[in-house]
Full PDB file with SEQRES, HELIX, SHEET, SSBOND, CRYST1, ORIGX, SCALE, CONECT and MASTER records, all heavy atoms in Angstrom:
SEQRES   1 A   43  SER ILE LEU TRP LEU LEU ALA SER GLY TYR SER ILE TRP          
SEQRES   2 A   43  MET PRO ARG CYS TYR PHE PRO THR PHE LEU GLY GLN ASN          
SEQRES   3 A   43  ARG PRO GLN PHE ILE CYS LEU VAL VAL ILE THR THR LEU          
SEQRES   4 A   43  VAL SER THR PHE                                              
HELIX    1 AA1 ILE A    2  TRP A   13  1                                  12    
HELIX    2 AA2 ARG A   16  TYR A   18  5                                   3    
HELIX    3 AA3 THR A   21  LEU A   23  5                                   3    
HELIX    4 AA4 ARG A   27  THR A   42  1                                  16    
CRYST1    1.000    1.000    1.000  90.00  90.00  90.00 P 1           1          
ORIGX1      1.000000  0.000000  0.000000        0.00000                         
ORIGX2      0.000000  1.000000  0.000000        0.00000                         
ORIGX3      0.000000  0.000000  1.000000        0.00000                         
SCALE1      1.000000  0.000000  0.000000        0.00000                         
SCALE2      0.000000  1.000000  0.000000        0.00000                         
SCALE3      0.000000  0.000000  1.000000        0.00000                         
ATOM      1  N   SER A   1       4.913  14.973  -0.166  1.00  0.00           N  
ATOM      2  CA  SER A   1       5.831  14.219   0.682  1.00  0.00           C  
ATOM      3  C   SER A   1       5.260  13.576   1.801  1.00  0.00           C  
ATOM      4  O   SER A   1       5.679  12.393   2.285  1.00  0.00           O  
ATOM      5  CB  SER A   1       7.048  15.179   1.121  1.00  0.00           C  
ATOM      6  OG  SER A   1       6.436  16.148   1.986  1.00  0.00           O  
ATOM      7  N   ILE A   2       4.304  14.086   2.434  1.00  0.00           N  
ATOM      8  CA  ILE A   2       3.588  13.518   3.518  1.00  0.00           C  
ATOM      9  C   ILE A   2       2.811  12.229   3.014  1.00  0.00           C  
ATOM     10  O   ILE A   2       2.764  11.234   3.715  1.00  0.00           O  
ATOM     11  CB  ILE A   2       2.514  14.478   4.208  1.00  0.00           C  
ATOM     12  CG1 ILE A   2       3.300  15.676   4.887  1.00  0.00           C  
ATOM     13  CG2 ILE A   2       1.689  13.814   5.238  1.00  0.00           C  
ATOM     14  CD1 ILE A   2       2.335  16.818   5.394  1.00  0.00           C  
ATOM     15  N   LEU A   3       2.192  12.425   1.924  1.00  0.00           N  
ATOM     16  CA  LEU A   3       1.454  11.328   1.231  1.00  0.00           C  
ATOM     17  C   LEU A   3       2.361  10.167   1.014  1.00  0.00           C  
ATOM     18  O   LEU A   3       2.064   9.011   1.341  1.00  0.00           O  
ATOM     19  CB  LEU A   3       0.872  11.815  -0.057  1.00  0.00           C  
ATOM     20  CG  LEU A   3       0.149  10.710  -0.893  1.00  0.00           C  
ATOM     21  CD1 LEU A   3      -1.126  10.248  -0.163  1.00  0.00           C  
ATOM     22  CD2 LEU A   3      -0.256  11.309  -2.360  1.00  0.00           C  
ATOM     23  N   TRP A   4       3.584  10.325   0.526  1.00  0.00           N  
ATOM     24  CA  TRP A   4       4.519   9.253   0.293  1.00  0.00           C  
ATOM     25  C   TRP A   4       5.123   8.687   1.574  1.00  0.00           C  
ATOM     26  O   TRP A   4       5.526   7.438   1.515  1.00  0.00           O  
ATOM     27  CB  TRP A   4       5.600   9.730  -0.732  1.00  0.00           C  
ATOM     28  CG  TRP A   4       5.060   9.712  -2.168  1.00  0.00           C  
ATOM     29  CD1 TRP A   4       4.564  10.734  -2.841  1.00  0.00           C  
ATOM     30  CD2 TRP A   4       5.018   8.650  -3.040  1.00  0.00           C  
ATOM     31  NE1 TRP A   4       4.126  10.462  -4.028  1.00  0.00           N  
ATOM     32  CE2 TRP A   4       4.363   9.150  -4.229  1.00  0.00           C  
ATOM     33  CE3 TRP A   4       5.341   7.300  -2.965  1.00  0.00           C  
ATOM     34  CZ2 TRP A   4       4.151   8.312  -5.352  1.00  0.00           C  
ATOM     35  CZ3 TRP A   4       5.034   6.477  -4.100  1.00  0.00           C  
ATOM     36  CH2 TRP A   4       4.529   6.936  -5.224  1.00  0.00           C  
ATOM     37  N   LEU A   5       5.245   9.516   2.551  1.00  0.00           N  
ATOM     38  CA  LEU A   5       5.690   8.993   3.847  1.00  0.00           C  
ATOM     39  C   LEU A   5       4.712   8.025   4.482  1.00  0.00           C  
ATOM     40  O   LEU A   5       5.036   6.894   4.849  1.00  0.00           O  
ATOM     41  CB  LEU A   5       5.956  10.210   4.821  1.00  0.00           C  
ATOM     42  CG  LEU A   5       6.174   9.814   6.222  1.00  0.00           C  
ATOM     43  CD1 LEU A   5       7.472   9.031   6.335  1.00  0.00           C  
ATOM     44  CD2 LEU A   5       6.231  11.034   7.079  1.00  0.00           C  
ATOM     45  N   LEU A   6       3.335   8.410   4.368  1.00  0.00           N  
ATOM     46  CA  LEU A   6       2.304   7.428   4.804  1.00  0.00           C  
ATOM     47  C   LEU A   6       2.342   6.201   4.002  1.00  0.00           C  
ATOM     48  O   LEU A   6       2.181   5.127   4.595  1.00  0.00           O  
ATOM     49  CB  LEU A   6       0.984   8.191   4.755  1.00  0.00           C  
ATOM     50  CG  LEU A   6       0.807   9.367   5.730  1.00  0.00           C  
ATOM     51  CD1 LEU A   6      -0.505  10.121   5.436  1.00  0.00           C  
ATOM     52  CD2 LEU A   6       0.810   8.876   7.239  1.00  0.00           C  
ATOM     53  N   ALA A   7       2.453   6.329   2.677  1.00  0.00           N  
ATOM     54  CA  ALA A   7       2.405   5.146   1.837  1.00  0.00           C  
ATOM     55  C   ALA A   7       3.596   4.239   2.118  1.00  0.00           C  
ATOM     56  O   ALA A   7       3.437   2.997   2.131  1.00  0.00           O  
ATOM     57  CB  ALA A   7       2.534   5.581   0.389  1.00  0.00           C  
ATOM     58  N   SER A   8       4.789   4.764   2.437  1.00  0.00           N  
ATOM     59  CA  SER A   8       5.889   3.880   2.815  1.00  0.00           C  
ATOM     60  C   SER A   8       5.696   3.127   4.109  1.00  0.00           C  
ATOM     61  O   SER A   8       5.999   2.007   4.160  1.00  0.00           O  
ATOM     62  CB  SER A   8       7.142   4.704   2.845  1.00  0.00           C  
ATOM     63  OG  SER A   8       7.176   5.745   3.986  1.00  0.00           O  
ATOM     64  N   GLY A   9       5.043   3.777   5.073  1.00  0.00           N  
ATOM     65  CA  GLY A   9       4.726   3.096   6.334  1.00  0.00           C  
ATOM     66  C   GLY A   9       3.726   2.062   6.143  1.00  0.00           C  
ATOM     67  O   GLY A   9       3.813   0.968   6.660  1.00  0.00           O  
ATOM     68  N   TYR A  10       2.655   2.306   5.241  1.00  0.00           N  
ATOM     69  CA  TYR A  10       1.684   1.257   4.931  1.00  0.00           C  
ATOM     70  C   TYR A  10       2.372   0.029   4.243  1.00  0.00           C  
ATOM     71  O   TYR A  10       2.098  -1.069   4.601  1.00  0.00           O  
ATOM     72  CB  TYR A  10       0.753   1.889   3.918  1.00  0.00           C  
ATOM     73  CG  TYR A  10      -0.562   2.361   4.682  1.00  0.00           C  
ATOM     74  CD1 TYR A  10      -0.576   3.687   5.182  1.00  0.00           C  
ATOM     75  CD2 TYR A  10      -1.780   1.712   4.624  1.00  0.00           C  
ATOM     76  CE1 TYR A  10      -1.670   4.246   5.778  1.00  0.00           C  
ATOM     77  CE2 TYR A  10      -2.853   2.246   5.202  1.00  0.00           C  
ATOM     78  CZ  TYR A  10      -2.820   3.481   5.763  1.00  0.00           C  
ATOM     79  OH  TYR A  10      -3.973   3.975   6.396  1.00  0.00           O  
ATOM     80  N   SER A  11       3.264   0.294   3.322  1.00  0.00           N  
ATOM     81  CA  SER A  11       3.901  -0.786   2.568  1.00  0.00           C  
ATOM     82  C   SER A  11       4.704  -1.670   3.517  1.00  0.00           C  
ATOM     83  O   SER A  11       4.710  -2.948   3.193  1.00  0.00           O  
ATOM     84  CB  SER A  11       4.860  -0.167   1.413  1.00  0.00           C  
ATOM     85  OG  SER A  11       3.989   0.628   0.550  1.00  0.00           O  
ATOM     86  N   ILE A  12       5.419  -1.162   4.419  1.00  0.00           N  
ATOM     87  CA  ILE A  12       6.314  -1.965   5.279  1.00  0.00           C  
ATOM     88  C   ILE A  12       5.565  -2.572   6.385  1.00  0.00           C  
ATOM     89  O   ILE A  12       5.823  -3.838   6.697  1.00  0.00           O  
ATOM     90  CB  ILE A  12       7.395  -1.009   5.840  1.00  0.00           C  
ATOM     91  CG1 ILE A  12       8.265  -0.466   4.720  1.00  0.00           C  
ATOM     92  CG2 ILE A  12       8.285  -1.857   6.848  1.00  0.00           C  
ATOM     93  CD1 ILE A  12       9.276   0.583   5.216  1.00  0.00           C  
ATOM     94  N   TRP A  13       4.714  -1.852   7.081  1.00  0.00           N  
ATOM     95  CA  TRP A  13       4.158  -2.383   8.366  1.00  0.00           C  
ATOM     96  C   TRP A  13       2.711  -2.739   8.455  1.00  0.00           C  
ATOM     97  O   TRP A  13       2.234  -3.232   9.468  1.00  0.00           O  
ATOM     98  CB  TRP A  13       4.522  -1.318   9.397  1.00  0.00           C  
ATOM     99  CG  TRP A  13       5.914  -1.089   9.776  1.00  0.00           C  
ATOM    100  CD1 TRP A  13       6.760  -2.166  10.148  1.00  0.00           C  
ATOM    101  CD2 TRP A  13       6.693   0.062   9.732  1.00  0.00           C  
ATOM    102  NE1 TRP A  13       8.035  -1.614  10.299  1.00  0.00           N  
ATOM    103  CE2 TRP A  13       8.044  -0.205  10.081  1.00  0.00           C  
ATOM    104  CE3 TRP A  13       6.331   1.414   9.490  1.00  0.00           C  
ATOM    105  CZ2 TRP A  13       9.015   0.822  10.159  1.00  0.00           C  
ATOM    106  CZ3 TRP A  13       7.340   2.351   9.499  1.00  0.00           C  
ATOM    107  CH2 TRP A  13       8.662   1.998   9.797  1.00  0.00           C  
ATOM    108  N   MET A  14       1.973  -2.499   7.381  1.00  0.00           N  
ATOM    109  CA  MET A  14       0.484  -2.875   7.394  1.00  0.00           C  
ATOM    110  C   MET A  14       0.508  -4.420   7.590  1.00  0.00           C  
ATOM    111  O   MET A  14       0.867  -5.231   6.879  1.00  0.00           O  
ATOM    112  CB  MET A  14      -0.142  -2.541   6.101  1.00  0.00           C  
ATOM    113  CG  MET A  14      -1.574  -2.914   6.080  1.00  0.00           C  
ATOM    114  SD  MET A  14      -2.679  -2.097   7.201  1.00  0.00           S  
ATOM    115  CE  MET A  14      -2.582  -0.472   6.631  1.00  0.00           C  
ATOM    116  N   PRO A  15      -0.198  -4.894   8.765  1.00  0.00           N  
ATOM    117  CA  PRO A  15      -0.302  -6.373   8.894  1.00  0.00           C  
ATOM    118  C   PRO A  15      -1.195  -6.904   7.746  1.00  0.00           C  
ATOM    119  O   PRO A  15      -2.105  -6.387   7.297  1.00  0.00           O  
ATOM    120  CB  PRO A  15      -1.138  -6.406  10.219  1.00  0.00           C  
ATOM    121  CG  PRO A  15      -0.812  -5.062  10.882  1.00  0.00           C  
ATOM    122  CD  PRO A  15      -0.676  -4.063   9.899  1.00  0.00           C  
ATOM    123  N   ARG A  16      -0.746  -8.151   7.425  1.00  0.00           N  
ATOM    124  CA  ARG A  16      -1.419  -8.806   6.295  1.00  0.00           C  
ATOM    125  C   ARG A  16      -2.861  -9.133   6.392  1.00  0.00           C  
ATOM    126  O   ARG A  16      -3.644  -9.154   5.438  1.00  0.00           O  
ATOM    127  CB  ARG A  16      -0.626 -10.159   6.000  1.00  0.00           C  
ATOM    128  CG  ARG A  16       0.869 -10.004   5.535  1.00  0.00           C  
ATOM    129  CD  ARG A  16       1.481 -11.308   5.393  1.00  0.00           C  
ATOM    130  NE  ARG A  16       2.892 -11.158   5.253  1.00  0.00           N  
ATOM    131  CZ  ARG A  16       3.527 -11.214   4.155  1.00  0.00           C  
ATOM    132  NH1 ARG A  16       2.866 -11.401   3.003  1.00  0.00           N  
ATOM    133  NH2 ARG A  16       4.922 -10.994   4.055  1.00  0.00           N  
ATOM    134  N   CYS A  17      -3.200  -9.234   7.705  1.00  0.00           N  
ATOM    135  CA  CYS A  17      -4.726  -9.506   7.900  1.00  0.00           C  
ATOM    136  C   CYS A  17      -5.595  -8.371   7.590  1.00  0.00           C  
ATOM    137  O   CYS A  17      -6.834  -8.601   7.536  1.00  0.00           O  
ATOM    138  CB  CYS A  17      -4.814  -9.954   9.412  1.00  0.00           C  
ATOM    139  SG  CYS A  17      -4.449  -8.672  10.641  1.00  0.00           S  
ATOM    140  N   TYR A  18      -4.979  -7.182   7.296  1.00  0.00           N  
ATOM    141  CA  TYR A  18      -5.773  -6.020   6.896  1.00  0.00           C  
ATOM    142  C   TYR A  18      -5.716  -5.769   5.493  1.00  0.00           C  
ATOM    143  O   TYR A  18      -6.243  -4.749   4.954  1.00  0.00           O  
ATOM    144  CB  TYR A  18      -5.452  -4.788   7.789  1.00  0.00           C  
ATOM    145  CG  TYR A  18      -5.451  -4.924   9.147  1.00  0.00           C  
ATOM    146  CD1 TYR A  18      -4.314  -5.147  10.064  1.00  0.00           C  
ATOM    147  CD2 TYR A  18      -6.772  -4.830   9.818  1.00  0.00           C  
ATOM    148  CE1 TYR A  18      -4.544  -5.231  11.348  1.00  0.00           C  
ATOM    149  CE2 TYR A  18      -6.882  -5.069  11.178  1.00  0.00           C  
ATOM    150  CZ  TYR A  18      -5.794  -5.207  11.982  1.00  0.00           C  
ATOM    151  OH  TYR A  18      -5.950  -5.338  13.354  1.00  0.00           O  
ATOM    152  N   PHE A  19      -5.054  -6.567   4.778  1.00  0.00           N  
ATOM    153  CA  PHE A  19      -4.964  -6.427   3.183  1.00  0.00           C  
ATOM    154  C   PHE A  19      -6.230  -6.553   2.613  1.00  0.00           C  
ATOM    155  O   PHE A  19      -7.149  -7.417   3.131  1.00  0.00           O  
ATOM    156  CB  PHE A  19      -3.992  -7.365   2.646  1.00  0.00           C  
ATOM    157  CG  PHE A  19      -2.564  -7.128   2.806  1.00  0.00           C  
ATOM    158  CD1 PHE A  19      -2.144  -6.129   3.734  1.00  0.00           C  
ATOM    159  CD2 PHE A  19      -1.535  -7.923   2.336  1.00  0.00           C  
ATOM    160  CE1 PHE A  19      -0.744  -5.974   3.933  1.00  0.00           C  
ATOM    161  CE2 PHE A  19      -0.282  -7.764   2.518  1.00  0.00           C  
ATOM    162  CZ  PHE A  19       0.219  -6.679   3.368  1.00  0.00           C  
ATOM    163  N   PRO A  20      -6.591  -5.938   1.521  1.00  0.00           N  
ATOM    164  CA  PRO A  20      -7.865  -6.287   0.785  1.00  0.00           C  
ATOM    165  C   PRO A  20      -7.968  -7.788   0.444  1.00  0.00           C  
ATOM    166  O   PRO A  20      -6.965  -8.317   0.150  1.00  0.00           O  
ATOM    167  CB  PRO A  20      -7.708  -5.351  -0.417  1.00  0.00           C  
ATOM    168  CG  PRO A  20      -6.845  -4.215   0.001  1.00  0.00           C  
ATOM    169  CD  PRO A  20      -5.794  -4.811   0.842  1.00  0.00           C  
ATOM    170  N   THR A  21      -9.148  -8.239   0.529  1.00  0.00           N  
ATOM    171  CA  THR A  21      -9.414  -9.663   0.384  1.00  0.00           C  
ATOM    172  C   THR A  21      -8.868 -10.116  -0.994  1.00  0.00           C  
ATOM    173  O   THR A  21      -8.328 -11.278  -1.025  1.00  0.00           O  
ATOM    174  CB  THR A  21     -10.939  -9.912   0.481  1.00  0.00           C  
ATOM    175  OG1 THR A  21     -11.443  -9.387   1.693  1.00  0.00           O  
ATOM    176  CG2 THR A  21     -11.149 -11.484   0.377  1.00  0.00           C  
ATOM    177  N   PHE A  22      -9.026  -9.383  -1.946  1.00  0.00           N  
ATOM    178  CA  PHE A  22      -8.625  -9.876  -3.346  1.00  0.00           C  
ATOM    179  C   PHE A  22      -6.978 -10.044  -3.451  1.00  0.00           C  
ATOM    180  O   PHE A  22      -6.596 -10.672  -4.398  1.00  0.00           O  
ATOM    181  CB  PHE A  22      -9.185  -8.952  -4.451  1.00  0.00           C  
ATOM    182  CG  PHE A  22      -8.548  -7.614  -4.420  1.00  0.00           C  
ATOM    183  CD1 PHE A  22      -7.407  -7.299  -5.148  1.00  0.00           C  
ATOM    184  CD2 PHE A  22      -9.185  -6.550  -3.782  1.00  0.00           C  
ATOM    185  CE1 PHE A  22      -6.909  -5.963  -5.165  1.00  0.00           C  
ATOM    186  CE2 PHE A  22      -8.739  -5.292  -3.813  1.00  0.00           C  
ATOM    187  CZ  PHE A  22      -7.527  -4.962  -4.544  1.00  0.00           C  
ATOM    188  N   LEU A  23      -6.329  -9.500  -2.543  1.00  0.00           N  
ATOM    189  CA  LEU A  23      -4.882  -9.657  -2.516  1.00  0.00           C  
ATOM    190  C   LEU A  23      -4.406 -10.917  -1.742  1.00  0.00           C  
ATOM    191  O   LEU A  23      -3.322 -11.271  -1.827  1.00  0.00           O  
ATOM    192  CB  LEU A  23      -4.210  -8.427  -2.052  1.00  0.00           C  
ATOM    193  CG  LEU A  23      -4.291  -7.125  -2.911  1.00  0.00           C  
ATOM    194  CD1 LEU A  23      -3.641  -6.026  -2.157  1.00  0.00           C  
ATOM    195  CD2 LEU A  23      -3.820  -7.244  -4.250  1.00  0.00           C  
ATOM    196  N   GLY A  24      -5.347 -11.466  -1.111  1.00  0.00           N  
ATOM    197  CA  GLY A  24      -4.936 -12.447  -0.090  1.00  0.00           C  
ATOM    198  C   GLY A  24      -3.974 -11.990   0.943  1.00  0.00           C  
ATOM    199  O   GLY A  24      -4.373 -10.915   1.575  1.00  0.00           O  
ATOM    200  N   GLN A  25      -2.816 -12.451   1.157  1.00  0.00           N  
ATOM    201  CA  GLN A  25      -1.890 -11.889   2.063  1.00  0.00           C  
ATOM    202  C   GLN A  25      -0.514 -11.629   1.327  1.00  0.00           C  
ATOM    203  O   GLN A  25       0.547 -11.781   1.904  1.00  0.00           O  
ATOM    204  CB  GLN A  25      -1.721 -12.753   3.284  1.00  0.00           C  
ATOM    205  CG  GLN A  25      -2.951 -12.868   4.103  1.00  0.00           C  
ATOM    206  CD  GLN A  25      -2.728 -13.460   5.459  1.00  0.00           C  
ATOM    207  OE1 GLN A  25      -1.634 -14.083   5.760  1.00  0.00           O  
ATOM    208  NE2 GLN A  25      -3.686 -13.405   6.324  1.00  0.00           N  
ATOM    209  N   ASN A  26      -0.694 -11.269   0.075  1.00  0.00           N  
ATOM    210  CA  ASN A  26       0.524 -11.019  -0.768  1.00  0.00           C  
ATOM    211  C   ASN A  26       0.998  -9.624  -0.662  1.00  0.00           C  
ATOM    212  O   ASN A  26       0.521  -8.703  -1.160  1.00  0.00           O  
ATOM    213  CB  ASN A  26       0.208 -11.386  -2.196  1.00  0.00           C  
ATOM    214  CG  ASN A  26       1.458 -11.405  -3.180  1.00  0.00           C  
ATOM    215  OD1 ASN A  26       2.256 -10.474  -3.057  1.00  0.00           O  
ATOM    216  ND2 ASN A  26       1.531 -12.465  -3.886  1.00  0.00           N  
ATOM    217  N   ARG A  27       2.145  -9.530   0.099  1.00  0.00           N  
ATOM    218  CA  ARG A  27       2.673  -8.110   0.421  1.00  0.00           C  
ATOM    219  C   ARG A  27       3.258  -7.360  -0.881  1.00  0.00           C  
ATOM    220  O   ARG A  27       2.949  -6.226  -1.020  1.00  0.00           O  
ATOM    221  CB  ARG A  27       3.730  -8.109   1.468  1.00  0.00           C  
ATOM    222  CG  ARG A  27       4.184  -6.699   1.924  1.00  0.00           C  
ATOM    223  CD  ARG A  27       5.051  -6.666   3.100  1.00  0.00           C  
ATOM    224  NE  ARG A  27       4.371  -7.170   4.280  1.00  0.00           N  
ATOM    225  CZ  ARG A  27       3.634  -6.369   5.037  1.00  0.00           C  
ATOM    226  NH1 ARG A  27       3.413  -5.074   4.778  1.00  0.00           N  
ATOM    227  NH2 ARG A  27       3.043  -6.832   6.127  1.00  0.00           N  
ATOM    228  N   PRO A  28       3.946  -8.144  -1.819  1.00  0.00           N  
ATOM    229  CA  PRO A  28       4.404  -7.382  -3.054  1.00  0.00           C  
ATOM    230  C   PRO A  28       3.258  -6.862  -3.782  1.00  0.00           C  
ATOM    231  O   PRO A  28       3.251  -5.705  -4.264  1.00  0.00           O  
ATOM    232  CB  PRO A  28       5.164  -8.524  -3.810  1.00  0.00           C  
ATOM    233  CG  PRO A  28       5.706  -9.469  -2.715  1.00  0.00           C  
ATOM    234  CD  PRO A  28       4.486  -9.468  -1.665  1.00  0.00           C  
ATOM    235  N   GLN A  29       2.143  -7.585  -3.875  1.00  0.00           N  
ATOM    236  CA  GLN A  29       0.911  -7.067  -4.571  1.00  0.00           C  
ATOM    237  C   GLN A  29       0.283  -5.882  -3.856  1.00  0.00           C  
ATOM    238  O   GLN A  29      -0.090  -4.936  -4.384  1.00  0.00           O  
ATOM    239  CB  GLN A  29      -0.047  -8.144  -4.765  1.00  0.00           C  
ATOM    240  CG  GLN A  29       0.358  -9.331  -5.817  1.00  0.00           C  
ATOM    241  CD  GLN A  29      -0.759 -10.285  -6.100  1.00  0.00           C  
ATOM    242  OE1 GLN A  29      -1.873 -10.123  -5.667  1.00  0.00           O  
ATOM    243  NE2 GLN A  29      -0.394 -11.337  -6.721  1.00  0.00           N  
ATOM    244  N   PHE A  30       0.289  -6.010  -2.557  1.00  0.00           N  
ATOM    245  CA  PHE A  30      -0.102  -4.887  -1.543  1.00  0.00           C  
ATOM    246  C   PHE A  30       0.681  -3.600  -1.980  1.00  0.00           C  
ATOM    247  O   PHE A  30       0.040  -2.506  -1.963  1.00  0.00           O  
ATOM    248  CB  PHE A  30      -0.187  -5.211  -0.259  1.00  0.00           C  
ATOM    249  CG  PHE A  30      -0.518  -4.220   0.807  1.00  0.00           C  
ATOM    250  CD1 PHE A  30      -1.947  -3.721   0.805  1.00  0.00           C  
ATOM    251  CD2 PHE A  30       0.361  -3.545   1.554  1.00  0.00           C  
ATOM    252  CE1 PHE A  30      -2.326  -2.657   1.579  1.00  0.00           C  
ATOM    253  CE2 PHE A  30      -0.063  -2.502   2.348  1.00  0.00           C  
ATOM    254  CZ  PHE A  30      -1.359  -2.081   2.432  1.00  0.00           C  
ATOM    255  N   ILE A  31       2.038  -3.809  -1.958  1.00  0.00           N  
ATOM    256  CA  ILE A  31       2.902  -2.674  -2.107  1.00  0.00           C  
ATOM    257  C   ILE A  31       2.570  -2.023  -3.537  1.00  0.00           C  
ATOM    258  O   ILE A  31       2.552  -0.827  -3.636  1.00  0.00           O  
ATOM    259  CB  ILE A  31       4.328  -3.086  -2.088  1.00  0.00           C  
ATOM    260  CG1 ILE A  31       4.723  -3.451  -0.724  1.00  0.00           C  
ATOM    261  CG2 ILE A  31       5.234  -1.918  -2.567  1.00  0.00           C  
ATOM    262  CD1 ILE A  31       6.053  -4.048  -0.452  1.00  0.00           C  
ATOM    263  N   CYS A  32       2.408  -2.893  -4.571  1.00  0.00           N  
ATOM    264  CA  CYS A  32       2.011  -2.375  -5.943  1.00  0.00           C  
ATOM    265  C   CYS A  32       0.730  -1.577  -5.839  1.00  0.00           C  
ATOM    266  O   CYS A  32       0.546  -0.526  -6.363  1.00  0.00           O  
ATOM    267  CB  CYS A  32       1.870  -3.447  -6.888  1.00  0.00           C  
ATOM    268  SG  CYS A  32       3.408  -4.227  -7.359  1.00  0.00           S  
ATOM    269  N   LEU A  33      -0.210  -2.079  -5.031  1.00  0.00           N  
ATOM    270  CA  LEU A  33      -1.527  -1.294  -4.946  1.00  0.00           C  
ATOM    271  C   LEU A  33      -1.356   0.051  -4.262  1.00  0.00           C  
ATOM    272  O   LEU A  33      -1.845   1.055  -4.683  1.00  0.00           O  
ATOM    273  CB  LEU A  33      -2.515  -2.206  -4.105  1.00  0.00           C  
ATOM    274  CG  LEU A  33      -3.877  -1.524  -3.847  1.00  0.00           C  
ATOM    275  CD1 LEU A  33      -4.618  -1.304  -5.137  1.00  0.00           C  
ATOM    276  CD2 LEU A  33      -4.719  -2.486  -2.999  1.00  0.00           C  
ATOM    277  N   VAL A  34      -0.487   0.117  -3.230  1.00  0.00           N  
ATOM    278  CA  VAL A  34      -0.226   1.276  -2.463  1.00  0.00           C  
ATOM    279  C   VAL A  34       0.459   2.312  -3.377  1.00  0.00           C  
ATOM    280  O   VAL A  34       0.184   3.477  -3.451  1.00  0.00           O  
ATOM    281  CB  VAL A  34       0.626   0.984  -1.259  1.00  0.00           C  
ATOM    282  CG1 VAL A  34       1.111   2.258  -0.583  1.00  0.00           C  
ATOM    283  CG2 VAL A  34      -0.214   0.203  -0.214  1.00  0.00           C  
ATOM    284  N   VAL A  35       1.411   1.806  -4.101  1.00  0.00           N  
ATOM    285  CA  VAL A  35       2.239   2.660  -5.005  1.00  0.00           C  
ATOM    286  C   VAL A  35       1.226   3.302  -6.084  1.00  0.00           C  
ATOM    287  O   VAL A  35       1.282   4.471  -6.409  1.00  0.00           O  
ATOM    288  CB  VAL A  35       3.386   1.936  -5.704  1.00  0.00           C  
ATOM    289  CG1 VAL A  35       3.909   2.856  -6.846  1.00  0.00           C  
ATOM    290  CG2 VAL A  35       4.422   1.585  -4.665  1.00  0.00           C  
ATOM    291  N   ILE A  36       0.390   2.537  -6.709  1.00  0.00           N  
ATOM    292  CA  ILE A  36      -0.524   2.931  -7.697  1.00  0.00           C  
ATOM    293  C   ILE A  36      -1.502   3.985  -7.151  1.00  0.00           C  
ATOM    294  O   ILE A  36      -1.744   5.026  -7.694  1.00  0.00           O  
ATOM    295  CB  ILE A  36      -1.251   1.710  -8.380  1.00  0.00           C  
ATOM    296  CG1 ILE A  36      -0.348   0.851  -9.123  1.00  0.00           C  
ATOM    297  CG2 ILE A  36      -2.510   2.278  -9.222  1.00  0.00           C  
ATOM    298  CD1 ILE A  36      -0.937  -0.390  -9.605  1.00  0.00           C  
ATOM    299  N   THR A  37      -2.068   3.641  -5.937  1.00  0.00           N  
ATOM    300  CA  THR A  37      -2.957   4.546  -5.275  1.00  0.00           C  
ATOM    301  C   THR A  37      -2.278   5.851  -4.978  1.00  0.00           C  
ATOM    302  O   THR A  37      -2.893   6.971  -5.135  1.00  0.00           O  
ATOM    303  CB  THR A  37      -3.462   3.829  -3.970  1.00  0.00           C  
ATOM    304  OG1 THR A  37      -4.136   2.618  -4.328  1.00  0.00           O  
ATOM    305  CG2 THR A  37      -4.525   4.809  -3.324  1.00  0.00           C  
ATOM    306  N   THR A  38      -1.091   5.775  -4.464  1.00  0.00           N  
ATOM    307  CA  THR A  38      -0.319   6.957  -4.092  1.00  0.00           C  
ATOM    308  C   THR A  38       0.031   7.866  -5.405  1.00  0.00           C  
ATOM    309  O   THR A  38      -0.128   9.049  -5.351  1.00  0.00           O  
ATOM    310  CB  THR A  38       1.000   6.633  -3.394  1.00  0.00           C  
ATOM    311  OG1 THR A  38       0.616   5.894  -2.278  1.00  0.00           O  
ATOM    312  CG2 THR A  38       1.623   7.882  -2.820  1.00  0.00           C  
ATOM    313  N   LEU A  39       0.362   7.169  -6.581  1.00  0.00           N  
ATOM    314  CA  LEU A  39       0.631   7.894  -7.636  1.00  0.00           C  
ATOM    315  C   LEU A  39      -0.693   8.683  -8.184  1.00  0.00           C  
ATOM    316  O   LEU A  39      -0.616   9.832  -8.521  1.00  0.00           O  
ATOM    317  CB  LEU A  39       1.087   6.991  -8.821  1.00  0.00           C  
ATOM    318  CG  LEU A  39       2.567   6.445  -8.767  1.00  0.00           C  
ATOM    319  CD1 LEU A  39       2.793   5.425  -9.731  1.00  0.00           C  
ATOM    320  CD2 LEU A  39       3.498   7.680  -8.950  1.00  0.00           C  
ATOM    321  N   VAL A  40      -1.799   7.944  -8.158  1.00  0.00           N  
ATOM    322  CA  VAL A  40      -3.091   8.515  -8.544  1.00  0.00           C  
ATOM    323  C   VAL A  40      -3.392   9.705  -7.665  1.00  0.00           C  
ATOM    324  O   VAL A  40      -3.902  10.855  -8.095  1.00  0.00           O  
ATOM    325  CB  VAL A  40      -4.194   7.503  -8.545  1.00  0.00           C  
ATOM    326  CG1 VAL A  40      -5.606   8.188  -8.809  1.00  0.00           C  
ATOM    327  CG2 VAL A  40      -3.991   6.479  -9.608  1.00  0.00           C  
ATOM    328  N   SER A  41      -3.155   9.510  -6.382  1.00  0.00           N  
ATOM    329  CA  SER A  41      -3.516  10.561  -5.350  1.00  0.00           C  
ATOM    330  C   SER A  41      -2.577  11.724  -5.571  1.00  0.00           C  
ATOM    331  O   SER A  41      -2.888  12.952  -5.373  1.00  0.00           O  
ATOM    332  CB  SER A  41      -3.325  10.101  -3.947  1.00  0.00           C  
ATOM    333  OG  SER A  41      -4.279   8.936  -3.678  1.00  0.00           O  
ATOM    334  N   THR A  42      -1.335  11.511  -5.950  1.00  0.00           N  
ATOM    335  CA  THR A  42      -0.360  12.591  -6.200  1.00  0.00           C  
ATOM    336  C   THR A  42      -0.849  13.501  -7.313  1.00  0.00           C  
ATOM    337  O   THR A  42      -0.879  14.725  -7.244  1.00  0.00           O  
ATOM    338  CB  THR A  42       1.044  11.993  -6.566  1.00  0.00           C  
ATOM    339  OG1 THR A  42       1.504  11.272  -5.449  1.00  0.00           O  
ATOM    340  CG2 THR A  42       1.965  13.101  -6.977  1.00  0.00           C  
ATOM    341  N   PHE A  43      -1.322  12.856  -8.427  1.00  0.00           N  
ATOM    342  CA  PHE A  43      -1.827  13.718  -9.572  1.00  0.00           C  
ATOM    343  C   PHE A  43      -3.229  14.362  -9.206  1.00  0.00           C  
ATOM    344  O   PHE A  43      -3.437  15.528  -9.570  1.00  0.00           O  
ATOM    345  CB  PHE A  43      -2.131  12.797 -10.822  1.00  0.00           C  
ATOM    346  CG  PHE A  43      -0.848  12.349 -11.464  1.00  0.00           C  
ATOM    347  CD1 PHE A  43      -0.390  11.047 -11.428  1.00  0.00           C  
ATOM    348  CD2 PHE A  43      -0.019  13.325 -12.152  1.00  0.00           C  
ATOM    349  CE1 PHE A  43       0.801  10.653 -12.034  1.00  0.00           C  
ATOM    350  CE2 PHE A  43       1.212  12.905 -12.713  1.00  0.00           C  
ATOM    351  CZ  PHE A  43       1.587  11.641 -12.608  1.00  0.00           C  
TER     352      PHE A  43                                                      
MASTER        0    0    0    4    0    0    0    6  351    1    0    4          
END                                                                             
């Protein structure tokens, strides 16, 4: 639950300038990356 709380905060408030370069500044893609990473981390 702590992991998903952090992931939700990252998804909403992470400034676009800190996104990985390959994502550009696309927040929907960044959210997908966060969700996938969180799912993997959960397992």
